Protein backbone atom coordinates (compact mmCIF):
# COMPACT_ATOMS: atom_id res chain seq x y z
CA MET A 1 100.55 108.44 121.93
CA ALA A 2 103.06 109.71 124.47
CA GLU A 3 106.36 110.84 123.02
CA GLY A 4 109.42 108.62 123.37
CA ASP A 5 112.35 107.05 121.63
CA ASN A 6 110.82 103.61 121.19
CA VAL A 7 108.38 104.63 118.46
CA GLN A 8 107.05 101.83 116.26
CA ILE A 9 106.21 103.06 112.76
CA PRO A 10 103.15 101.15 111.47
CA ILE A 11 103.23 99.34 108.14
CA THR A 12 100.68 99.69 105.35
CA LYS A 13 100.09 98.02 101.99
CA LEU A 14 100.69 100.16 98.90
CA ASP A 15 100.96 97.25 96.46
CA GLN A 16 103.94 96.30 98.64
CA GLU A 17 104.56 96.89 102.33
CA VAL A 18 105.99 100.27 103.31
CA SER A 19 105.98 102.37 106.46
CA LYS A 20 102.66 104.11 107.00
CA LEU A 21 104.50 107.36 107.63
CA GLY A 22 106.71 108.50 104.80
CA PHE A 23 109.43 111.13 104.69
CA GLY A 24 109.29 113.91 102.11
CA CYS A 25 112.84 114.98 101.37
CA MET A 26 112.01 118.34 99.73
CA GLY A 27 112.87 120.45 102.79
CA LEU A 28 116.40 119.05 102.99
CA THR A 29 117.59 121.00 99.94
CA GLY A 30 115.84 124.34 100.35
CA ALA A 31 112.14 125.00 99.64
CA TYR A 32 111.17 126.18 103.14
CA ASN A 33 114.62 127.12 104.44
CA SER A 34 118.34 127.09 103.68
CA PRO A 35 119.59 123.75 102.30
CA LEU A 36 121.17 121.41 104.81
CA SER A 37 124.73 120.26 104.36
CA ASP A 38 125.12 116.80 102.85
CA GLU A 39 126.31 115.53 106.22
CA ASP A 40 123.25 116.86 108.07
CA GLY A 41 120.86 115.79 105.31
CA ILE A 42 122.18 112.23 105.30
CA SER A 43 122.00 112.20 109.09
CA VAL A 44 118.29 113.13 108.96
CA ILE A 45 117.56 110.44 106.36
CA ASN A 46 119.44 107.80 108.33
CA TYR A 47 117.61 108.79 111.51
CA ALA A 48 114.24 108.40 109.78
CA PHE A 49 115.28 105.03 108.33
CA ASN A 50 116.49 103.78 111.70
CA LYS A 51 113.11 104.74 113.16
CA GLY A 52 111.35 102.50 110.64
CA ILE A 53 110.65 104.86 107.72
CA THR A 54 110.96 102.94 104.46
CA PHE A 55 109.06 105.33 102.16
CA PHE A 56 111.10 108.33 100.98
CA ASP A 57 109.82 110.90 98.49
CA THR A 58 112.07 112.96 96.22
CA ALA A 59 111.84 114.63 92.80
CA ASP A 60 114.09 116.09 90.14
CA ALA A 61 112.44 119.47 90.78
CA TYR A 62 113.71 119.59 94.38
CA GLY A 63 116.92 121.52 94.43
CA PRO A 64 116.66 121.11 91.46
CA HIS A 65 118.35 117.71 91.17
CA SER A 66 120.36 118.04 94.40
CA ASN A 67 117.64 116.31 96.43
CA GLU A 68 117.87 113.12 94.38
CA LEU A 69 121.67 113.24 94.62
CA LEU A 70 121.47 113.61 98.40
CA LEU A 71 119.12 110.66 98.77
CA GLY A 72 121.27 108.65 96.38
CA LYS A 73 124.37 109.24 98.52
CA CYS A 74 122.55 107.86 101.51
CA CYS A 75 121.18 104.66 99.92
CA GLU A 76 123.69 103.96 97.14
CA ALA A 77 125.58 101.32 99.11
CA SER A 78 122.35 99.63 100.20
CA LEU A 79 121.04 99.59 96.62
CA LYS A 80 124.23 97.93 95.43
CA ARG A 81 124.05 95.33 98.20
CA LEU A 82 120.37 94.65 97.48
CA GLY A 83 120.88 94.67 93.72
CA VAL A 84 117.94 97.05 93.26
CA GLU A 85 118.02 98.96 89.99
CA TYR A 86 114.47 100.25 89.62
CA ILE A 87 112.20 102.94 91.04
CA ASP A 88 109.46 101.56 93.26
CA LEU A 89 106.87 104.31 92.81
CA TYR A 90 107.24 106.86 90.01
CA TYR A 91 104.91 109.88 89.97
CA GLN A 92 104.00 112.27 87.25
CA HIS A 93 104.90 115.17 89.53
CA ARG A 94 102.24 117.51 88.13
CA ILE A 95 99.72 116.93 85.36
CA ASP A 96 100.77 118.40 82.00
CA THR A 97 97.46 119.71 80.64
CA LYS A 98 98.94 120.08 77.14
CA ILE A 99 99.44 116.33 76.79
CA PRO A 100 96.53 113.85 77.09
CA ILE A 101 96.91 111.79 80.26
CA GLU A 102 96.42 108.64 78.18
CA GLU A 103 99.62 109.44 76.29
CA THR A 104 101.59 110.14 79.48
CA ILE A 105 100.47 106.96 81.21
CA GLY A 106 101.14 105.02 78.03
CA GLU A 107 104.79 106.09 78.19
CA LEU A 108 105.02 105.32 81.92
CA LYS A 109 103.49 101.90 81.22
CA LYS A 110 106.43 101.21 78.90
CA LEU A 111 108.82 101.94 81.79
CA VAL A 112 106.97 99.38 83.89
CA GLU A 113 107.18 96.83 81.09
CA GLU A 114 110.92 97.53 80.74
CA GLY A 115 111.42 96.91 84.45
CA LYS A 116 112.63 100.45 85.18
CA VAL A 117 109.59 101.39 87.26
CA LYS A 118 107.47 99.15 89.47
CA TYR A 119 104.41 101.27 90.18
CA ILE A 120 102.89 104.47 88.75
CA GLY A 121 101.52 107.41 90.72
CA LEU A 122 99.89 110.78 90.00
CA SER A 123 100.29 114.08 91.84
CA GLU A 124 97.61 116.79 92.03
CA ALA A 125 95.27 115.08 89.57
CA SER A 126 91.54 115.71 89.11
CA PRO A 127 88.99 112.90 89.51
CA SER A 128 88.47 112.60 85.74
CA THR A 129 92.22 112.48 85.11
CA ILE A 130 92.67 109.77 87.74
CA ARG A 131 89.92 107.67 86.21
CA ARG A 132 91.26 108.07 82.65
CA ALA A 133 94.82 107.28 83.75
CA HIS A 134 93.73 104.21 85.69
CA ALA A 135 91.99 102.87 82.57
CA ILE A 136 95.35 102.82 80.74
CA HIS A 137 97.43 101.30 83.55
CA PRO A 138 96.67 100.69 87.25
CA ILE A 139 97.54 103.76 89.31
CA THR A 140 99.04 102.75 92.66
CA ALA A 141 99.01 106.10 94.48
CA VAL A 142 97.69 109.64 94.18
CA GLN A 143 99.62 112.37 95.97
CA MET A 144 97.59 115.37 97.16
CA GLU A 145 97.86 118.00 99.86
CA TRP A 146 95.72 116.99 102.84
CA SER A 147 95.79 118.32 106.39
CA LEU A 148 93.50 119.73 109.05
CA TRP A 149 93.31 122.96 107.08
CA THR A 150 93.40 121.57 103.52
CA ARG A 151 90.55 119.09 103.08
CA ASP A 152 89.45 119.66 99.48
CA ILE A 153 90.12 116.05 98.46
CA GLU A 154 87.62 114.54 100.88
CA GLU A 155 84.57 115.18 98.71
CA GLU A 156 85.60 113.45 95.46
CA ILE A 157 89.23 112.29 95.36
CA ILE A 158 89.21 110.02 98.40
CA PRO A 159 85.94 108.20 97.53
CA LEU A 160 87.20 107.71 93.96
CA CYS A 161 90.55 106.30 95.08
CA ARG A 162 88.83 103.93 97.49
CA GLU A 163 86.58 102.79 94.65
CA LEU A 164 89.55 102.11 92.38
CA GLY A 165 91.84 100.71 95.09
CA ILE A 166 94.35 103.54 94.80
CA GLY A 167 96.44 104.60 97.79
CA ILE A 168 96.32 108.21 99.01
CA VAL A 169 99.66 109.84 99.80
CA PRO A 170 98.92 113.16 101.54
CA TYR A 171 101.71 115.71 101.49
CA SER A 172 102.09 118.46 104.09
CA PRO A 173 99.82 116.68 106.60
CA LEU A 174 101.23 119.03 109.24
CA GLY A 175 100.29 122.12 107.24
CA ARG A 176 103.90 122.75 106.18
CA GLY A 177 104.95 122.45 109.79
CA PHE A 178 102.22 124.71 111.22
CA PHE A 179 100.63 121.97 113.32
CA ALA A 180 104.04 121.19 114.77
CA GLY A 181 104.29 124.80 115.93
CA LYS A 182 106.13 126.46 113.03
CA GLY A 183 104.97 130.05 112.76
CA VAL A 184 103.34 129.92 116.20
CA LEU A 185 105.87 128.64 118.72
CA GLU A 186 108.84 129.82 116.66
CA SER A 187 109.52 132.59 114.17
CA LEU A 188 110.09 131.82 110.51
CA SER A 189 113.57 132.39 109.16
CA ALA A 190 113.95 135.33 106.81
CA ASN A 191 114.78 133.11 103.84
CA SER A 192 111.86 130.74 104.33
CA SER A 193 109.34 130.61 101.50
CA LEU A 194 106.70 130.06 104.19
CA ALA A 195 106.97 133.74 105.06
CA MET A 196 105.25 134.41 101.72
CA HIS A 197 102.54 131.79 102.27
CA PRO A 198 99.15 133.45 102.90
CA ARG A 199 98.42 131.21 105.88
CA PHE A 200 101.57 132.40 107.63
CA GLN A 201 100.81 136.10 107.18
CA GLY A 202 98.87 138.80 109.03
CA ASP A 203 95.30 138.15 110.08
CA ASN A 204 95.37 134.64 108.60
CA LEU A 205 98.20 133.67 110.94
CA ASP A 206 96.42 135.25 113.91
CA ARG A 207 93.29 133.22 113.19
CA SER A 208 95.37 130.10 112.67
CA LYS A 209 97.09 130.64 116.02
CA THR A 210 93.67 130.32 117.67
CA ILE A 211 93.18 126.98 115.92
CA PHE A 212 96.63 125.84 116.98
CA SER A 213 95.90 126.80 120.59
CA ARG A 214 92.81 124.56 120.60
CA ILE A 215 94.79 121.68 119.10
CA GLU A 216 97.57 122.21 121.63
CA ASN A 217 95.10 122.05 124.51
CA LEU A 218 93.52 118.89 123.13
CA ALA A 219 96.96 117.35 122.64
CA THR A 220 97.86 118.11 126.24
CA LYS A 221 94.67 116.39 127.35
CA HIS A 222 95.66 113.25 125.42
CA GLN A 223 99.33 113.47 126.49
CA CYS A 224 100.75 113.86 122.99
CA SER A 225 102.21 116.61 120.85
CA PRO A 226 100.08 118.77 118.52
CA ALA A 227 101.86 117.14 115.56
CA GLN A 228 100.96 113.64 116.80
CA LEU A 229 97.33 114.69 117.24
CA ALA A 230 97.22 116.22 113.74
CA LEU A 231 98.54 112.98 112.22
CA HIS A 232 96.42 110.64 114.31
CA GLY A 233 93.25 111.41 112.39
CA PHE A 234 94.86 110.34 109.12
CA LEU A 235 96.48 107.23 110.56
CA SER A 236 93.14 106.14 112.01
CA LYS A 237 91.65 106.32 108.50
CA GLY A 238 94.15 103.73 107.28
CA MET A 239 95.75 106.19 104.85
CA MET A 240 99.31 106.28 103.61
CA LEU A 241 101.12 109.45 104.72
CA CYS A 242 104.04 111.16 103.04
CA LEU A 243 105.26 113.66 105.58
CA PHE A 244 107.06 116.66 104.12
CA LEU A 245 109.07 118.06 107.01
CA CYS A 246 110.30 121.65 107.22
CA ALA A 247 113.91 120.75 107.99
CA LYS A 248 115.79 123.33 110.07
């Protein structure tokens, strides 16, 4: 797990083959920090792609809209060359509790039948919602927060998804950058929304620094970075990861 330039990103099966590590594009257009310029954002995306990342996550809510435009600028030429005109994996970004999930999935099913979407995913869904949705149309992936300090999904969600053959796409597997050292080894920028996050404040941060210190020591023992150690546990479980980076 030693760091180096010749990193081989593993492949996993999520109905079709994709990189086991994904790249969440949210941080490129704000969220945790000031938005990057288009030039810098495209450079980051290209770097990830050249390292073997083939799973990129964006949403109309990021920016809003500017995140999709940024990603589109990067891959537009490739899409034209490949003749691809559909979305591979389309999530309901958050569950609308005012509309029955059966109705929502029914509409998404139509998009699949029309060839506009290939696979359907859910984000932040309860076990009962996942099961009801899957009964209407196969759900390919469920996106949930999962990291060393957010493990709520392990009791019900993960066993259910394994039962139904649904992929897990954890977001913020590095604790919004904490397990890479953000908030411990560096100070948060004044405009970062993380400064308002309870885990990055006061006594909570002090307690978390103790946890980070233990992880850092263990990482040193295994000759890897704390971030690599934090991700290794998920990779060893055979899970799909969508890594939302806190872009600087």
